[in-house]
Amino acid sequence: MFFVISGFLITKSWVYESNVIKAYVKIPVINNWGKYGDFSYGIYIWFFLVQQTIVFFFKDKLDFVSYNIVVFFITLFIAVCSYHLVEKPMLKLKNIDISSKFKNLFKI
């Protein structure tokens, strides 16, 4: 029997970091995760804000499991929106050469 708490896989007598375990597990949903976009940065950015907001408003109303499920899905939703509305459009701009447009501004 095992369960995951904050990125760690807990078994009867061992604690493994779940990221190491996930790297070797062949689960189709996890292996195809990247085809919809790279949400990892959005999850990283938004998780703490969502976590603290849920704790502030629902401190005594949610049990541990419900709290983790709510935080996960709200964070995932915001991360997906963040990726498609902010990150993806900005990634299209990374190969644009703007030096020729500003060449005459800073002549020495």
C-alpha atoms as a PDB file:
ATOM      1  CA  MET A   1       0.000   0.000   0.000  1.00  0.00           C
ATOM      2  CA  PHE A   2       1.274   3.454  -0.843  1.00  0.00           C
ATOM      3  CA  PHE A   3       0.068   7.027  -1.233  1.00  0.00           C
ATOM      4  CA  VAL A   4       1.552  10.324  -2.381  1.00  0.00           C
ATOM      5  CA  ILE A   5       1.921  13.325  -0.082  1.00  0.00           C
ATOM      6  CA  SER A   6       3.462  16.519  -1.451  1.00  0.00           C
ATOM      7  CA  GLY A   7       5.645  14.774  -4.023  1.00  0.00           C
ATOM      8  CA  PHE A   8       6.755  11.860  -1.868  1.00  0.00           C
ATOM      9  CA  LEU A   9       5.645   8.276  -2.240  1.00  0.00           C
ATOM     10  CA  ILE A  10       5.010   6.785   1.193  1.00  0.00           C
ATOM     11  CA  THR A  11       5.064   3.002   1.671  1.00  0.00           C
ATOM     12  CA  LYS A  12       5.027   0.966   4.846  1.00  0.00           C
ATOM     13  CA  SER A  13       8.649   1.577   5.700  1.00  0.00           C
ATOM     14  CA  TRP A  14      10.154   3.595   2.843  1.00  0.00           C
ATOM     15  CA  VAL A  15       9.804   7.091   1.452  1.00  0.00           C
ATOM     16  CA  TYR A  16      10.650   7.588  -2.222  1.00  0.00           C
ATOM     17  CA  GLU A  17      10.514  10.793  -4.130  1.00  0.00           C
ATOM     18  CA  SER A  18       7.601  10.265  -6.505  1.00  0.00           C
ATOM     19  CA  ASN A  19       9.310  12.014  -9.446  1.00  0.00           C
ATOM     20  CA  VAL A  20      11.937   9.279  -9.519  1.00  0.00           C
ATOM     21  CA  ILE A  21       9.255   6.608  -9.391  1.00  0.00           C
ATOM     22  CA  LYS A  22       7.189   8.271 -12.164  1.00  0.00           C
ATOM     23  CA  ALA A  23      10.188   8.307 -14.493  1.00  0.00           C
ATOM     24  CA  TYR A  24      10.204   4.504 -14.636  1.00  0.00           C
ATOM     25  CA  VAL A  25       6.465   3.792 -14.630  1.00  0.00           C
ATOM     26  CA  LYS A  26       4.792   3.197 -17.989  1.00  0.00           C
ATOM     27  CA  ILE A  27       1.375   4.831 -17.606  1.00  0.00           C
ATOM     28  CA  PRO A  28      -0.097   6.094 -20.921  1.00  0.00           C
ATOM     29  CA  VAL A  29      -1.761   9.167 -19.386  1.00  0.00           C
ATOM     30  CA  ILE A  30       1.511  10.296 -17.788  1.00  0.00           C
ATOM     31  CA  ASN A  31       3.664   9.409 -20.800  1.00  0.00           C
ATOM     32  CA  ASN A  32       1.433  11.451 -23.170  1.00  0.00           C
ATOM     33  CA  TRP A  33       1.071  14.401 -20.801  1.00  0.00           C
ATOM     34  CA  GLY A  34       3.317  16.707 -22.847  1.00  0.00           C
ATOM     35  CA  LYS A  35       1.331  16.534 -26.074  1.00  0.00           C
ATOM     36  CA  TYR A  36      -1.224  19.019 -24.687  1.00  0.00           C
ATOM     37  CA  GLY A  37       1.392  21.555 -23.640  1.00  0.00           C
ATOM     38  CA  ASP A  38       4.014  22.125 -20.974  1.00  0.00           C
ATOM     39  CA  PHE A  39       2.052  23.017 -17.856  1.00  0.00           C
ATOM     40  CA  SER A  40       4.870  22.394 -15.391  1.00  0.00           C
ATOM     41  CA  TYR A  41       5.894  26.043 -15.089  1.00  0.00           C
ATOM     42  CA  GLY A  42       2.280  27.125 -14.587  1.00  0.00           C
ATOM     43  CA  ILE A  43       1.818  24.509 -11.886  1.00  0.00           C
ATOM     44  CA  TYR A  44       5.041  25.699 -10.249  1.00  0.00           C
ATOM     45  CA  ILE A  45       3.972  29.350 -10.365  1.00  0.00           C
ATOM     46  CA  TRP A  46       0.328  28.969  -9.334  1.00  0.00           C
ATOM     47  CA  PHE A  47       0.404  26.098  -6.822  1.00  0.00           C
ATOM     48  CA  PHE A  48       1.408  28.093  -3.748  1.00  0.00           C
ATOM     49  CA  LEU A  49      -1.103  30.870  -4.423  1.00  0.00           C
ATOM     50  CA  VAL A  50      -3.967  28.406  -4.919  1.00  0.00           C
ATOM     51  CA  GLN A  51      -2.895  26.356  -1.919  1.00  0.00           C
ATOM     52  CA  GLN A  52      -2.811  29.337   0.423  1.00  0.00           C
ATOM     53  CA  THR A  53      -6.077  30.751  -0.917  1.00  0.00           C
ATOM     54  CA  ILE A  54      -7.904  27.461  -0.359  1.00  0.00           C
ATOM     55  CA  VAL A  55      -6.459  27.194   3.148  1.00  0.00           C
ATOM     56  CA  PHE A  56      -7.534  30.765   3.916  1.00  0.00           C
ATOM     57  CA  PHE A  57     -11.131  30.354   2.755  1.00  0.00           C
ATOM     58  CA  PHE A  58     -11.782  26.666   3.537  1.00  0.00           C
ATOM     59  CA  LYS A  59      -9.503  25.945   6.490  1.00  0.00           C
ATOM     60  CA  ASP A  60     -12.032  24.018   8.581  1.00  0.00           C
ATOM     61  CA  LYS A  61     -14.344  22.886   5.786  1.00  0.00           C
ATOM     62  CA  LEU A  62     -12.144  20.472   3.803  1.00  0.00           C
ATOM     63  CA  ASP A  63     -10.482  17.267   4.910  1.00  0.00           C
ATOM     64  CA  PHE A  64      -6.955  16.399   3.739  1.00  0.00           C
ATOM     65  CA  VAL A  65      -7.946  14.377   0.659  1.00  0.00           C
ATOM     66  CA  SER A  66     -10.592  16.856  -0.508  1.00  0.00           C
ATOM     67  CA  TYR A  67      -8.174  19.724   0.005  1.00  0.00           C
ATOM     68  CA  ASN A  68      -5.496  18.065  -2.154  1.00  0.00           C
ATOM     69  CA  ILE A  69      -7.981  17.224  -4.916  1.00  0.00           C
ATOM     70  CA  VAL A  70      -9.391  20.762  -4.983  1.00  0.00           C
ATOM     71  CA  VAL A  71      -5.941  22.366  -5.007  1.00  0.00           C
ATOM     72  CA  PHE A  72      -4.694  20.024  -7.729  1.00  0.00           C
ATOM     73  CA  PHE A  73      -7.570  20.617 -10.127  1.00  0.00           C
ATOM     74  CA  ILE A  74      -7.747  24.385  -9.600  1.00  0.00           C
ATOM     75  CA  THR A  75      -3.984  24.657 -10.056  1.00  0.00           C
ATOM     76  CA  LEU A  76      -4.075  22.475 -13.163  1.00  0.00           C
ATOM     77  CA  PHE A  77      -6.893  24.566 -14.668  1.00  0.00           C
ATOM     78  CA  ILE A  78      -5.041  27.835 -14.040  1.00  0.00           C
ATOM     79  CA  ALA A  79      -1.769  26.337 -15.335  1.00  0.00           C
ATOM     80  CA  VAL A  80      -3.438  25.199 -18.575  1.00  0.00           C
ATOM     81  CA  CYS A  81      -4.989  28.643 -19.069  1.00  0.00           C
ATOM     82  CA  SER A  82      -1.669  30.292 -18.262  1.00  0.00           C
ATOM     83  CA  TYR A  83       0.143  28.122 -20.787  1.00  0.00           C
ATOM     84  CA  HIS A  84      -2.295  28.714 -23.634  1.00  0.00           C
ATOM     85  CA  LEU A  85      -2.933  32.419 -22.967  1.00  0.00           C
ATOM     86  CA  VAL A  86       0.535  33.607 -21.914  1.00  0.00           C
ATOM     87  CA  GLU A  87       3.384  31.129 -22.383  1.00  0.00           C
ATOM     88  CA  LYS A  88       2.503  29.687 -25.802  1.00  0.00           C
ATOM     89  CA  PRO A  89       2.051  33.106 -27.501  1.00  0.00           C
ATOM     90  CA  MET A  90       5.324  34.321 -25.954  1.00  0.00           C
ATOM     91  CA  LEU A  91       7.190  31.221 -27.138  1.00  0.00           C
ATOM     92  CA  LYS A  92       6.254  32.137 -30.711  1.00  0.00           C
ATOM     93  CA  LEU A  93       8.154  35.411 -30.255  1.00  0.00           C
ATOM     94  CA  LYS A  94      11.420  33.876 -29.082  1.00  0.00           C
ATOM     95  CA  ASN A  95      12.906  33.494 -32.582  1.00  0.00           C
ATOM     96  CA  ILE A  96      12.035  36.966 -33.854  1.00  0.00           C
ATOM     97  CA  ASP A  97      15.082  39.093 -34.629  1.00  0.00           C
ATOM     98  CA  ILE A  98      14.348  42.551 -33.256  1.00  0.00           C
ATOM     99  CA  SER A  99      17.909  43.841 -33.467  1.00  0.00           C
ATOM    100  CA  SER A 100      17.404  45.138 -37.018  1.00  0.00           C
ATOM    101  CA  LYS A 101      14.385  47.167 -35.898  1.00  0.00           C
ATOM    102  CA  PHE A 102      16.303  48.885 -33.113  1.00  0.00           C
ATOM    103  CA  LYS A 103      19.638  49.189 -34.925  1.00  0.00           C
ATOM    104  CA  ASN A 104      19.300  52.900 -35.631  1.00  0.00           C
ATOM    105  CA  LEU A 105      18.128  53.822 -32.144  1.00  0.00           C
ATOM    106  CA  PHE A 106      21.457  53.276 -30.403  1.00  0.00           C
ATOM    107  CA  LYS A 107      24.106  54.353 -32.880  1.00  0.00           C
ATOM    108  CA  ILE A 108      27.394  55.185 -31.263  1.00  0.00           C
END
